[in-house]
């Protein structure tokens, strides 16, 4: 679904860069500026610095004189307004409105953001289908323009399905039940040797340890560490004749 972010009469160049960065992190790149304070705002040093690598968004951004030009081709308009209007479109939270909107097809959505000093003008809000308000602390609800763009971009990306997790780490492989049982047998002997476990009255120590390690789901490497600890305990007690298996073998047998 095509998405456009429109900044109206932006007065601070850094906010344009911050908005571009916020858009890029959420996978959006269509930025239109309506009558910004600086005609060269897309090339100003502060803009480029705050964009922090989102230069492609700045390079293809457009500057227009009027909101009509910015809305060309748009079919669904979302204003952003902290204060609800007595008259005009309904006021909704981003998640409340955007999740069902994402299910509609063939929409060209635009998010409108007003000037940092004055917010959105009533006449611009009236043109929109909805006024989105970000739930904030009533005592301090004013968001920086770049932060507001980031929140709306995140909520819209979430409504569209998100990107999923980017986890480059290999999945953790838990040791199998036989390895865990072998480690616990090793611990049981060592705990007896150091006098912590009375074999004549073991109570429920070993079953409790079994449940502990079932919850922990140790890896084969961690099983090897635990068996090394058991061996060190036995050695310290003067009864160390147990050889810990090689990490490569992961052999649970004594």
Protein backbone atom coordinates (compact mmCIF):
# COMPACT_ATOMS: atom_id res chain seq x y z
CA UNK A 1 0.00 0.00 0.00
CA UNK A 2 1.49 3.31 -1.07
CA UNK A 3 2.27 5.70 1.79
CA UNK A 4 3.21 9.38 1.79
CA UNK A 5 4.40 11.51 4.71
CA UNK A 6 3.62 15.22 4.35
CA UNK A 7 5.27 17.89 6.51
CA UNK A 8 3.48 21.23 6.38
CA UNK A 9 5.47 24.48 6.86
CA UNK A 10 8.31 22.82 8.74
CA UNK A 11 10.45 25.44 10.45
CA UNK A 12 13.43 23.40 11.69
CA UNK A 13 15.71 21.72 9.17
CA UNK A 14 16.79 19.07 11.65
CA UNK A 15 13.23 17.83 11.96
CA UNK A 16 13.12 17.13 8.23
CA UNK A 17 16.21 14.94 8.58
CA UNK A 18 14.79 13.24 11.67
CA UNK A 19 11.54 12.54 9.83
CA UNK A 20 13.44 11.01 6.90
CA UNK A 21 15.35 8.76 9.27
CA UNK A 22 12.15 7.72 11.07
CA UNK A 23 10.51 6.85 7.76
CA UNK A 24 13.46 4.83 6.48
CA UNK A 25 13.68 2.70 9.63
CA UNK A 26 10.08 1.64 8.99
CA UNK A 27 10.53 1.08 5.26
CA UNK A 28 8.84 4.23 3.89
CA UNK A 29 10.42 6.67 1.46
CA UNK A 30 7.80 9.07 0.06
CA UNK A 31 8.29 12.46 1.73
CA UNK A 32 6.67 15.73 0.62
CA UNK A 33 7.34 19.13 2.21
CA UNK A 34 4.75 21.88 1.90
CA UNK A 35 6.21 25.40 1.98
CA UNK A 36 9.06 24.70 4.41
CA UNK A 37 10.86 27.61 6.02
CA UNK A 38 14.08 26.88 4.11
CA UNK A 39 13.93 26.49 0.33
CA UNK A 40 17.15 24.45 0.45
CA UNK A 41 16.10 22.43 3.49
CA UNK A 42 16.86 19.09 1.84
CA UNK A 43 20.51 20.09 1.36
CA UNK A 44 21.15 21.85 4.66
CA UNK A 45 23.86 20.37 6.88
CA UNK A 46 21.55 19.94 9.88
CA UNK A 47 19.02 18.05 7.76
CA UNK A 48 21.65 15.66 6.42
CA UNK A 49 23.16 15.07 9.86
CA UNK A 50 19.80 14.30 11.48
CA UNK A 51 18.86 12.00 8.60
CA UNK A 52 21.72 9.77 9.74
CA UNK A 53 22.04 7.77 6.53
CA UNK A 54 18.51 8.17 5.15
CA UNK A 55 19.88 10.26 2.30
CA UNK A 56 17.89 8.35 -0.32
CA UNK A 57 14.68 9.55 1.32
CA UNK A 58 15.92 13.15 1.17
CA UNK A 59 17.11 12.79 -2.42
CA UNK A 60 13.70 11.77 -3.71
CA UNK A 61 11.69 14.07 -1.41
CA UNK A 62 9.60 16.79 -3.07
CA UNK A 63 9.00 20.39 -2.05
CA UNK A 64 5.68 21.94 -3.10
CA UNK A 65 3.97 25.25 -2.47
CA UNK A 66 0.51 24.07 -1.49
CA UNK A 67 -1.16 21.17 0.29
CA UNK A 68 -3.22 20.50 -2.84
CA UNK A 69 -0.02 19.64 -4.72
CA UNK A 70 1.12 17.36 -1.87
CA UNK A 71 -2.17 15.46 -1.90
CA UNK A 72 -2.16 14.59 -5.58
CA UNK A 73 -3.20 10.94 -5.96
CA UNK A 74 -3.86 10.39 -2.24
CA UNK A 75 -7.11 8.59 -1.37
CA UNK A 76 -6.99 8.49 2.45
CA UNK A 77 -5.80 11.42 4.55
CA UNK A 78 -4.71 11.13 8.18
CA UNK A 79 -4.13 14.32 10.13
CA UNK A 80 -1.99 14.26 13.27
CA UNK A 81 -3.41 16.43 16.03
CA UNK A 82 -2.82 16.38 19.77
CA UNK A 83 -5.97 18.35 20.59
CA UNK A 84 -9.32 16.96 19.32
CA UNK A 85 -11.41 19.39 17.24
CA UNK A 86 -15.05 20.10 18.05
CA UNK A 87 -15.79 19.89 14.35
CA UNK A 88 -14.14 17.78 11.70
CA UNK A 89 -13.06 14.18 11.25
CA UNK A 90 -13.22 11.67 14.11
CA UNK A 91 -10.24 11.52 16.46
CA UNK A 92 -8.68 8.08 16.82
CA UNK A 93 -5.49 6.58 18.20
CA UNK A 94 -3.09 5.34 15.51
CA UNK A 95 -3.56 1.66 16.34
CA UNK A 96 -7.34 1.97 16.56
CA UNK A 97 -7.55 3.43 13.06
CA UNK A 98 -4.61 2.00 11.17
CA UNK A 99 -5.13 -1.71 11.81
CA UNK A 100 -8.49 -1.84 9.99
CA UNK A 101 -7.21 0.60 7.36
CA UNK A 102 -4.39 -1.79 6.47
CA UNK A 103 -6.98 -4.42 5.48
CA UNK A 104 -8.38 -2.20 2.72
CA UNK A 105 -6.93 -2.52 -0.76
CA UNK A 106 -5.75 0.02 -3.32
CA UNK A 107 -5.37 2.88 -0.87
CA UNK A 108 -2.83 5.66 -1.19
CA UNK A 109 -2.45 6.83 2.39
CA UNK A 110 -0.98 10.15 3.49
CA UNK A 111 -0.02 11.25 6.99
CA UNK A 112 -0.03 14.99 7.51
CA UNK A 113 2.09 16.76 10.13
CA UNK A 114 1.72 20.44 10.94
CA UNK A 115 4.20 23.15 11.78
CA UNK A 116 6.28 22.74 14.94
CA UNK A 117 5.06 26.10 16.19
CA UNK A 118 1.36 25.97 15.35
CA UNK A 119 0.50 22.34 14.67
CA UNK A 120 -2.08 21.63 12.00
CA UNK A 121 -4.49 24.33 10.87
CA UNK A 122 -8.17 23.55 11.28
CA UNK A 123 -8.81 23.90 7.55
CA UNK A 124 -6.17 21.24 6.83
CA UNK A 125 -7.55 18.89 9.48
CA UNK A 126 -11.06 19.25 8.02
CA UNK A 127 -9.84 17.83 4.71
CA UNK A 128 -8.76 14.58 6.37
CA UNK A 129 -10.66 11.35 6.95
CA UNK A 130 -9.35 11.00 10.51
CA UNK A 131 -7.32 12.91 13.08
CA UNK A 132 -4.76 10.65 14.71
CA UNK A 133 -3.76 11.47 18.27
CA UNK A 134 -0.85 9.71 19.96
CA UNK A 135 -1.74 8.69 23.54
CA UNK A 136 0.65 10.69 25.71
CA UNK A 137 0.82 11.94 29.28
CA UNK A 138 -1.85 14.68 29.50
CA UNK A 139 0.52 16.75 31.61
CA UNK A 140 3.25 16.68 28.94
CA UNK A 141 1.84 15.55 25.64
CA UNK A 142 3.84 17.56 23.11
CA UNK A 143 6.01 15.42 20.85
CA UNK A 144 8.91 16.58 18.72
CA UNK A 145 8.01 16.36 15.02
CA UNK A 146 10.60 13.66 14.32
CA UNK A 147 9.34 11.61 17.26
CA UNK A 148 5.74 11.93 16.08
CA UNK A 149 6.69 10.75 12.61
CA UNK A 150 8.52 7.79 14.15
CA UNK A 151 5.50 6.73 16.22
CA UNK A 152 3.08 7.00 13.29
CA UNK A 153 5.48 5.21 10.93
CA UNK A 154 5.95 2.41 13.46
CA UNK A 155 2.21 1.99 14.04
CA UNK A 156 1.53 1.94 10.29
CA UNK A 157 4.27 -0.59 9.64
CA UNK A 158 2.94 -2.71 12.49
CA UNK A 159 -0.56 -2.55 11.00
CA UNK A 160 0.84 -3.61 7.61
CA UNK A 161 2.43 -6.69 9.16
CA UNK A 162 5.83 -5.44 10.28
CA UNK A 163 9.18 -6.85 9.25
CA UNK A 164 9.57 -9.63 11.80
CA UNK A 165 12.60 -10.11 13.99
CA UNK A 166 16.09 -9.75 12.54
CA UNK A 167 17.99 -12.28 14.64
CA UNK A 168 21.28 -13.23 13.06
CA UNK A 169 22.23 -15.56 15.88
CA UNK A 170 21.94 -19.29 15.34
CA UNK A 171 19.04 -20.92 17.17
CA UNK A 172 20.02 -22.29 20.57
CA UNK A 173 20.08 -26.09 20.67
CA UNK A 174 19.06 -27.56 24.01
CA UNK A 175 20.81 -30.68 25.30
CA UNK A 176 18.72 -33.83 25.03
CA UNK A 177 17.14 -35.62 27.98
CA UNK A 178 19.84 -38.28 28.11
CA UNK A 179 22.58 -35.63 28.44
CA UNK A 180 20.68 -33.86 31.21
CA UNK A 181 20.13 -37.16 33.05
CA UNK A 182 23.83 -38.03 32.81
CA UNK A 183 24.79 -34.61 34.17
CA UNK A 184 22.38 -35.02 37.08
CA UNK A 185 23.80 -38.47 37.89
CA UNK A 186 27.24 -36.90 37.94
CA UNK A 187 26.01 -34.11 40.24
CA UNK A 188 24.33 -36.61 42.54
CA UNK A 189 27.59 -38.50 43.11
CA UNK A 190 29.52 -35.28 43.67
CA UNK A 191 26.93 -33.88 46.07
CA UNK A 192 27.21 -37.08 48.08
CA UNK A 193 31.01 -36.79 48.10
CA UNK A 194 30.99 -33.23 49.44
CA UNK A 195 28.40 -34.12 52.08
CA UNK A 196 25.57 -31.99 50.70
CA UNK A 197 23.34 -34.96 49.81
CA UNK A 198 22.64 -37.79 52.24
CA UNK A 199 22.04 -40.91 50.10
CA UNK A 200 20.12 -42.47 53.01
CA UNK A 201 17.71 -39.52 53.14
CA UNK A 202 17.83 -37.78 49.73
CA UNK A 203 14.34 -36.31 50.10
CA UNK A 204 13.43 -34.56 46.83
CA UNK A 205 16.70 -32.81 46.03
CA UNK A 206 17.42 -34.60 42.75
CA UNK A 207 13.84 -34.40 41.39
CA UNK A 208 13.88 -30.68 42.18
CA UNK A 209 17.19 -30.26 40.36
CA UNK A 210 15.72 -32.23 37.46
CA UNK A 211 12.83 -29.75 37.24
CA UNK A 212 15.20 -26.81 37.53
CA UNK A 213 17.28 -27.96 34.57
CA UNK A 214 14.18 -28.88 32.58
CA UNK A 215 13.08 -25.27 32.88
CA UNK A 216 16.55 -23.93 32.11
CA UNK A 217 16.98 -26.12 29.00
CA UNK A 218 20.80 -26.06 29.10
CA UNK A 219 22.76 -26.43 25.87
CA UNK A 220 25.30 -29.23 25.33
CA UNK A 221 28.08 -26.74 26.10
CA UNK A 222 26.39 -25.77 29.37
CA UNK A 223 25.99 -29.45 30.28
CA UNK A 224 29.75 -29.80 29.85
CA UNK A 225 30.32 -26.82 32.19
CA UNK A 226 27.98 -28.27 34.81
CA UNK A 227 29.76 -31.61 34.66
CA UNK A 228 33.07 -29.80 35.06
CA UNK A 229 31.69 -28.17 38.23
CA UNK A 230 30.60 -31.58 39.51
CA UNK A 231 34.10 -32.94 38.89
CA UNK A 232 35.68 -29.97 40.68
CA UNK A 233 33.39 -30.56 43.68
CA UNK A 234 34.42 -34.22 43.82
CA UNK A 235 38.11 -33.34 43.47
CA UNK A 236 37.81 -30.81 46.30
CA UNK A 237 36.24 -33.49 48.47
CA UNK A 238 39.17 -35.81 47.73
CA UNK A 239 37.15 -38.32 45.75
CA UNK A 240 37.78 -37.16 42.23
CA UNK A 241 38.16 -40.10 39.92
CA UNK A 242 35.40 -39.04 37.49
CA UNK A 243 36.49 -37.86 34.06
CA UNK A 244 34.34 -35.18 32.43
CA UNK A 245 33.53 -36.08 28.81
CA UNK A 246 34.99 -34.01 25.98
CA UNK A 247 32.79 -31.12 24.77
CA UNK A 248 32.88 -32.55 21.28
CA UNK A 249 31.45 -35.87 22.41
CA UNK A 250 28.65 -34.58 24.63
CA UNK A 251 28.65 -38.08 26.12
CA UNK A 252 26.38 -38.23 29.20
CA UNK A 253 27.60 -41.63 30.38
CA UNK A 254 30.07 -41.85 33.31
